[in-house]
């Protein structure tokens, strides 16, 4: 999982520090991940075939709206 995160983050100059803490989640795998530079981030790994692409996009849009 850390390799997957690093592959997505490295083009932005970010990298994990190797620390992960599992967070409570009913359906998915959610982790607090330590970052080399800066505060930790939360990463969510969706279980295969549980969510449609449209449902994931809707959730990401909602989270982006909250962030803004």
PDB file of N, CA and C in Angstrom:
ATOM      1  N   UNK A   1       0.820  -1.181   0.000  1.00  0.00           N
ATOM      2  CA  UNK A   1       0.000   0.000   0.000  1.00  0.00           C
ATOM      3  C   UNK A   1       0.873   1.258   0.000  1.00  0.00           C
ATOM      4  N   UNK A   2       1.956   1.224   0.771  1.00  0.00           N
ATOM      5  CA  UNK A   2       2.834   2.395   0.779  1.00  0.00           C
ATOM      6  C   UNK A   2       3.461   2.622  -0.591  1.00  0.00           C
ATOM      7  N   UNK A   3       3.819   1.551  -1.281  1.00  0.00           N
ATOM      8  CA  UNK A   3       4.364   1.695  -2.637  1.00  0.00           C
ATOM      9  C   UNK A   3       3.337   2.328  -3.565  1.00  0.00           C
ATOM     10  N   UNK A   4       2.074   1.914  -3.428  1.00  0.00           N
ATOM     11  CA  UNK A   4       1.014   2.484  -4.259  1.00  0.00           C
ATOM     12  C   UNK A   4       0.866   3.980  -3.975  1.00  0.00           C
ATOM     13  N   UNK A   5       0.877   4.346  -2.704  1.00  0.00           N
ATOM     14  CA  UNK A   5       0.763   5.762  -2.347  1.00  0.00           C
ATOM     15  C   UNK A   5       1.956   6.561  -2.850  1.00  0.00           C
ATOM     16  N   UNK A   6       3.156   6.025  -2.640  1.00  0.00           N
ATOM     17  CA  UNK A   6       4.345   6.737  -3.104  1.00  0.00           C
ATOM     18  C   UNK A   6       4.325   6.933  -4.616  1.00  0.00           C
ATOM     19  N   UNK A   7       3.816   5.952  -5.353  1.00  0.00           N
ATOM     20  CA  UNK A   7       3.788   6.093  -6.819  1.00  0.00           C
ATOM     21  C   UNK A   7       2.861   7.224  -7.260  1.00  0.00           C
ATOM     22  N   UNK A   8       1.832   7.491  -6.471  1.00  0.00           N
ATOM     23  CA  UNK A   8       0.905   8.577  -6.784  1.00  0.00           C
ATOM     24  C   UNK A   8       1.436   9.913  -6.274  1.00  0.00           C
ATOM     25  N   UNK A   9       2.116   9.898  -5.144  1.00  0.00           N
ATOM     26  CA  UNK A   9       2.567  11.138  -4.504  1.00  0.00           C
ATOM     27  C   UNK A   9       3.887  11.670  -5.046  1.00  0.00           C
ATOM     28  N   UNK A  10       4.775  10.774  -5.469  1.00  0.00           N
ATOM     29  CA  UNK A  10       6.118  11.199  -5.873  1.00  0.00           C
ATOM     30  C   UNK A  10       6.135  12.228  -6.998  1.00  0.00           C
ATOM     31  N   UNK A  11       5.245  12.155  -7.997  1.00  0.00           N
ATOM     32  CA  UNK A  11       5.255  13.208  -9.021  1.00  0.00           C
ATOM     33  C   UNK A  11       4.978  14.614  -8.456  1.00  0.00           C
ATOM     34  N   UNK A  12       4.388  14.679  -7.266  1.00  0.00           N
ATOM     35  CA  UNK A  12       4.096  15.958  -6.616  1.00  0.00           C
ATOM     36  C   UNK A  12       5.158  16.324  -5.582  1.00  0.00           C
ATOM     37  N   UNK A  13       6.237  15.539  -5.540  1.00  0.00           N
ATOM     38  CA  UNK A  13       7.311  15.819  -4.596  1.00  0.00           C
ATOM     39  C   UNK A  13       7.028  15.369  -3.181  1.00  0.00           C
ATOM     40  N   UNK A  14       6.036  14.532  -2.999  1.00  0.00           N
ATOM     41  CA  UNK A  14       5.646  14.029  -1.683  1.00  0.00           C
ATOM     42  C   UNK A  14       6.071  12.571  -1.547  1.00  0.00           C
ATOM     43  N   UNK A  15       6.259  12.130  -0.305  1.00  0.00           N
ATOM     44  CA  UNK A  15       6.634  10.743  -0.061  1.00  0.00           C
ATOM     45  C   UNK A  15       6.216  10.356   1.360  1.00  0.00           C
ATOM     46  N   UNK A  16       5.754   9.123   1.514  1.00  0.00           N
ATOM     47  CA  UNK A  16       5.389   8.640   2.846  1.00  0.00           C
ATOM     48  C   UNK A  16       6.652   8.378   3.653  1.00  0.00           C
ATOM     49  N   UNK A  17       6.485   8.317   4.988  1.00  0.00           N
ATOM     50  CA  UNK A  17       7.636   8.013   5.846  1.00  0.00           C
ATOM     51  C   UNK A  17       7.640   6.553   6.294  1.00  0.00           C
ATOM     52  N   UNK A  18       6.693   5.770   5.792  1.00  0.00           N
ATOM     53  CA  UNK A  18       6.631   4.344   6.122  1.00  0.00           C
ATOM     54  C   UNK A  18       5.708   4.005   7.270  1.00  0.00           C
ATOM     55  N   UNK A  19       5.155   5.007   7.925  1.00  0.00           N
ATOM     56  CA  UNK A  19       4.249   4.754   9.045  1.00  0.00           C
ATOM     57  C   UNK A  19       2.798   4.711   8.599  1.00  0.00           C
ATOM     58  N   UNK A  20       2.071   3.716   9.105  1.00  0.00           N
ATOM     59  CA  UNK A  20       0.639   3.598   8.801  1.00  0.00           C
ATOM     60  C   UNK A  20      -0.120   3.234  10.071  1.00  0.00           C
ATOM     61  N   UNK A  21      -1.293   3.819  10.230  1.00  0.00           N
ATOM     62  CA  UNK A  21      -2.174   3.510  11.349  1.00  0.00           C
ATOM     63  C   UNK A  21      -3.550   3.209  10.776  1.00  0.00           C
ATOM     64  N   UNK A  22      -4.052   1.996  11.005  1.00  0.00           N
ATOM     65  CA  UNK A  22      -5.379   1.628  10.508  1.00  0.00           C
ATOM     66  C   UNK A  22      -6.446   2.413  11.270  1.00  0.00           C
ATOM     67  N   UNK A  23      -7.390   3.006  10.529  1.00  0.00           N
ATOM     68  CA  UNK A  23      -8.497   3.752  11.113  1.00  0.00           C
ATOM     69  C   UNK A  23      -9.776   2.943  10.961  1.00  0.00           C
ATOM     70  N   UNK A  24     -10.756   3.220  11.801  1.00  0.00           N
ATOM     71  CA  UNK A  24     -12.025   2.503  11.732  1.00  0.00           C
ATOM     72  C   UNK A  24     -12.757   2.811  10.431  1.00  0.00           C
ATOM     73  N   UNK A  25     -13.239   1.776   9.776  1.00  0.00           N
ATOM     74  CA  UNK A  25     -14.041   1.929   8.572  1.00  0.00           C
ATOM     75  C   UNK A  25     -14.861   0.666   8.399  1.00  0.00           C
ATOM     76  N   UNK A  26     -16.123   0.838   8.071  1.00  0.00           N
ATOM     77  CA  UNK A  26     -17.024  -0.302   7.937  1.00  0.00           C
ATOM     78  C   UNK A  26     -16.763  -1.107   6.668  1.00  0.00           C
ATOM     79  N   UNK A  27     -16.547  -0.436   5.544  1.00  0.00           N
ATOM     80  CA  UNK A  27     -16.456  -1.140   4.270  1.00  0.00           C
ATOM     81  C   UNK A  27     -15.090  -1.112   3.611  1.00  0.00           C
ATOM     82  N   UNK A  28     -14.277  -0.142   3.896  1.00  0.00           N
ATOM     83  CA  UNK A  28     -13.045   0.050   3.146  1.00  0.00           C
ATOM     84  C   UNK A  28     -11.831  -0.014   4.068  1.00  0.00           C
ATOM     85  N   UNK A  29     -10.684   0.093   3.486  1.00  0.00           N
ATOM     86  CA  UNK A  29      -9.432   0.124   4.230  1.00  0.00           C
ATOM     87  C   UNK A  29      -8.976   1.577   4.279  1.00  0.00           C
ATOM     88  N   UNK A  30      -8.971   2.153   5.476  1.00  0.00           N
ATOM     89  CA  UNK A  30      -8.632   3.555   5.652  1.00  0.00           C
ATOM     90  C   UNK A  30      -7.455   3.642   6.624  1.00  0.00           C
ATOM     91  N   UNK A  31      -6.441   4.420   6.239  1.00  0.00           N
ATOM     92  CA  UNK A  31      -5.217   4.511   7.033  1.00  0.00           C
ATOM     93  C   UNK A  31      -4.784   5.960   7.191  1.00  0.00           C
ATOM     94  N   UNK A  32      -4.213   6.261   8.348  1.00  0.00           N
ATOM     95  CA  UNK A  32      -3.463   7.496   8.518  1.00  0.00           C
ATOM     96  C   UNK A  32      -2.033   7.162   8.136  1.00  0.00           C
ATOM     97  N   UNK A  33      -1.477   7.923   7.218  1.00  0.00           N
ATOM     98  CA  UNK A  33      -0.151   7.633   6.671  1.00  0.00           C
ATOM     99  C   UNK A  33       0.781   8.791   7.001  1.00  0.00           C
ATOM    100  N   UNK A  34       1.922   8.474   7.595  1.00  0.00           N
ATOM    101  CA  UNK A  34       2.916   9.495   7.899  1.00  0.00           C
ATOM    102  C   UNK A  34       3.588   9.984   6.630  1.00  0.00           C
ATOM    103  N   UNK A  35       3.890  11.260   6.595  1.00  0.00           N
ATOM    104  CA  UNK A  35       4.544  11.867   5.440  1.00  0.00           C
ATOM    105  C   UNK A  35       5.933  12.348   5.846  1.00  0.00           C
ATOM    106  N   UNK A  36       6.893  12.268   4.901  1.00  0.00           N
ATOM    107  CA  UNK A  36       8.257  12.718   5.198  1.00  0.00           C
ATOM    108  C   UNK A  36       8.289  14.201   5.539  1.00  0.00           C
ATOM    109  N   UNK A  37       7.573  15.002   4.785  1.00  0.00           N
ATOM    110  CA  UNK A  37       7.549  16.449   5.016  1.00  0.00           C
ATOM    111  C   UNK A  37       6.118  16.898   5.195  1.00  0.00           C
ATOM    112  N   UNK A  38       5.729  17.160   6.428  1.00  0.00           N
ATOM    113  CA  UNK A  38       4.389  17.656   6.660  1.00  0.00           C
ATOM    114  C   UNK A  38       3.559  16.716   7.505  1.00  0.00           C
ATOM    115  N   UNK A  39       2.319  17.129   7.730  1.00  0.00           N
ATOM    116  CA  UNK A  39       1.422  16.348   8.579  1.00  0.00           C
ATOM    117  C   UNK A  39       0.996  15.050   7.894  1.00  0.00           C
ATOM    118  N   UNK A  40       0.490  14.100   8.677  1.00  0.00           N
ATOM    119  CA  UNK A  40       0.028  12.852   8.080  1.00  0.00           C
ATOM    120  C   UNK A  40      -1.180  13.088   7.176  1.00  0.00           C
ATOM    121  N   UNK A  41      -1.425  12.119   6.308  1.00  0.00           N
ATOM    122  CA  UNK A  41      -2.595  12.183   5.435  1.00  0.00           C
ATOM    123  C   UNK A  41      -3.447  10.948   5.680  1.00  0.00           C
ATOM    124  N   UNK A  42      -4.672  10.970   5.204  1.00  0.00           N
ATOM    125  CA  UNK A  42      -5.561   9.817   5.277  1.00  0.00           C
ATOM    126  C   UNK A  42      -5.690   9.235   3.882  1.00  0.00           C
ATOM    127  N   UNK A  43      -5.488   7.928   3.788  1.00  0.00           N
ATOM    128  CA  UNK A  43      -5.606   7.227   2.504  1.00  0.00           C
ATOM    129  C   UNK A  43      -6.699   6.181   2.619  1.00  0.00           C
ATOM    130  N   UNK A  44      -7.507   6.078   1.579  1.00  0.00           N
ATOM    131  CA  UNK A  44      -8.616   5.132   1.555  1.00  0.00           C
ATOM    132  C   UNK A  44      -8.445   4.209   0.368  1.00  0.00           C
ATOM    133  N   UNK A  45      -8.494   2.915   0.632  1.00  0.00           N
ATOM    134  CA  UNK A  45      -8.413   1.897  -0.403  1.00  0.00           C
ATOM    135  C   UNK A  45      -9.780   1.232  -0.504  1.00  0.00           C
ATOM    136  N   UNK A  46     -10.392   1.340  -1.674  1.00  0.00           N
ATOM    137  CA  UNK A  46     -11.726   0.796  -1.878  1.00  0.00           C
ATOM    138  C   UNK A  46     -11.655  -0.702  -2.160  1.00  0.00           C
ATOM    139  N   UNK A  47     -12.574  -1.444  -1.566  1.00  0.00           N
ATOM    140  CA  UNK A  47     -12.644  -2.882  -1.842  1.00  0.00           C
ATOM    141  C   UNK A  47     -13.146  -3.097  -3.267  1.00  0.00           C
ATOM    142  N   UNK A  48     -12.531  -4.027  -3.987  1.00  0.00           N
ATOM    143  CA  UNK A  48     -12.949  -4.282  -5.376  1.00  0.00           C
ATOM    144  C   UNK A  48     -14.422  -4.672  -5.470  1.00  0.00           C
ATOM    145  N   UNK A  49     -15.075  -4.134  -6.483  1.00  0.00           N
ATOM    146  CA  UNK A  49     -16.457  -4.468  -6.847  1.00  0.00           C
ATOM    147  C   UNK A  49     -17.500  -4.023  -5.830  1.00  0.00           C
ATOM    148  N   UNK A  50     -17.104  -3.271  -4.809  1.00  0.00           N
ATOM    149  CA  UNK A  50     -18.076  -2.788  -3.826  1.00  0.00           C
ATOM    150  C   UNK A  50     -18.641  -1.431  -4.218  1.00  0.00           C
ATOM    151  N   UNK A  51     -17.849  -0.629  -4.929  1.00  0.00           N
ATOM    152  CA  UNK A  51     -18.249   0.711  -5.312  1.00  0.00           C
ATOM    153  C   UNK A  51     -18.163   0.845  -6.824  1.00  0.00           C
ATOM    154  N   UNK A  52     -19.112   1.543  -7.408  1.00  0.00           N
ATOM    155  CA  UNK A  52     -19.029   1.840  -8.841  1.00  0.00           C
ATOM    156  C   UNK A  52     -18.091   3.031  -9.029  1.00  0.00           C
ATOM    157  N   UNK A  53     -17.601   3.188 -10.241  1.00  0.00           N
ATOM    158  CA  UNK A  53     -16.747   4.346 -10.536  1.00  0.00           C
ATOM    159  C   UNK A  53     -17.499   5.654 -10.271  1.00  0.00           C
ATOM    160  N   UNK A  54     -18.791   5.680 -10.608  1.00  0.00           N
ATOM    161  CA  UNK A  54     -19.594   6.883 -10.376  1.00  0.00           C
ATOM    162  C   UNK A  54     -19.712   7.202  -8.884  1.00  0.00           C
ATOM    163  N   UNK A  55     -19.875   6.174  -8.058  1.00  0.00           N
ATOM    164  CA  UNK A  55     -19.987   6.385  -6.610  1.00  0.00           C
ATOM    165  C   UNK A  55     -18.673   6.910  -6.038  1.00  0.00           C
ATOM    166  N   UNK A  56     -17.557   6.386  -6.505  1.00  0.00           N
ATOM    167  CA  UNK A  56     -16.252   6.860  -6.044  1.00  0.00           C
ATOM    168  C   UNK A  56     -16.040   8.307  -6.465  1.00  0.00           C
ATOM    169  N   UNK A  57     -16.375   8.633  -7.708  1.00  0.00           N
ATOM    170  CA  UNK A  57     -16.239  10.005  -8.195  1.00  0.00           C
ATOM    171  C   UNK A  57     -17.114  10.958  -7.380  1.00  0.00           C
ATOM    172  N   UNK A  58     -18.335  10.538  -7.067  1.00  0.00           N
ATOM    173  CA  UNK A  58     -19.226  11.375  -6.259  1.00  0.00           C
ATOM    174  C   UNK A  58     -18.616  11.629  -4.877  1.00  0.00           C
ATOM    175  N   UNK A  59     -18.046  10.596  -4.275  1.00  0.00           N
ATOM    176  CA  UNK A  59     -17.426  10.761  -2.960  1.00  0.00           C
ATOM    177  C   UNK A  59     -16.215  11.698  -3.039  1.00  0.00           C
ATOM    178  N   UNK A  60     -15.397  11.548  -4.066  1.00  0.00           N
ATOM    179  CA  UNK A  60     -14.227  12.411  -4.225  1.00  0.00           C
ATOM    180  C   UNK A  60     -14.642  13.864  -4.454  1.00  0.00           C
ATOM    181  N   UNK A  61     -15.696  14.071  -5.218  1.00  0.00           N
ATOM    182  CA  UNK A  61     -16.217  15.423  -5.452  1.00  0.00           C
ATOM    183  C   UNK A  61     -16.696  16.034  -4.145  1.00  0.00           C
ATOM    184  N   UNK A  62     -17.403  15.259  -3.342  1.00  0.00           N
ATOM    185  CA  UNK A  62     -17.893  15.723  -2.032  1.00  0.00           C
ATOM    186  C   UNK A  62     -16.729  16.101  -1.121  1.00  0.00           C
ATOM    187  N   UNK A  63     -15.711  15.258  -1.054  1.00  0.00           N
ATOM    188  CA  UNK A  63     -14.551  15.547  -0.196  1.00  0.00           C
ATOM    189  C   UNK A  63     -13.820  16.791  -0.687  1.00  0.00           C
ATOM    190  N   UNK A  64     -13.700  16.950  -2.000  1.00  0.00           N
ATOM    191  CA  UNK A  64     -13.050  18.152  -2.556  1.00  0.00           C
ATOM    192  C   UNK A  64     -13.839  19.408  -2.166  1.00  0.00           C
ATOM    193  N   UNK A  65     -15.164  19.322  -2.195  1.00  0.00           N
ATOM    194  CA  UNK A  65     -16.001  20.451  -1.811  1.00  0.00           C
ATOM    195  C   UNK A  65     -15.785  20.793  -0.325  1.00  0.00           C
ATOM    196  N   UNK A  66     -15.708  19.764   0.522  1.00  0.00           N
ATOM    197  CA  UNK A  66     -15.458  20.019   1.943  1.00  0.00           C
ATOM    198  C   UNK A  66     -14.093  20.668   2.148  1.00  0.00           C
ATOM    199  N   UNK A  67     -13.103  20.204   1.403  1.00  0.00           N
ATOM    200  CA  UNK A  67     -11.752  20.735   1.525  1.00  0.00           C
ATOM    201  C   UNK A  67     -11.695  22.215   1.154  1.00  0.00           C
ATOM    202  N   UNK A  68     -12.391  22.562   0.072  1.00  0.00           N
ATOM    203  CA  UNK A  68     -12.413  23.962  -0.388  1.00  0.00           C
ATOM    204  C   UNK A  68     -13.127  24.830   0.621  1.00  0.00           C
TER     205      UNK A  68
END
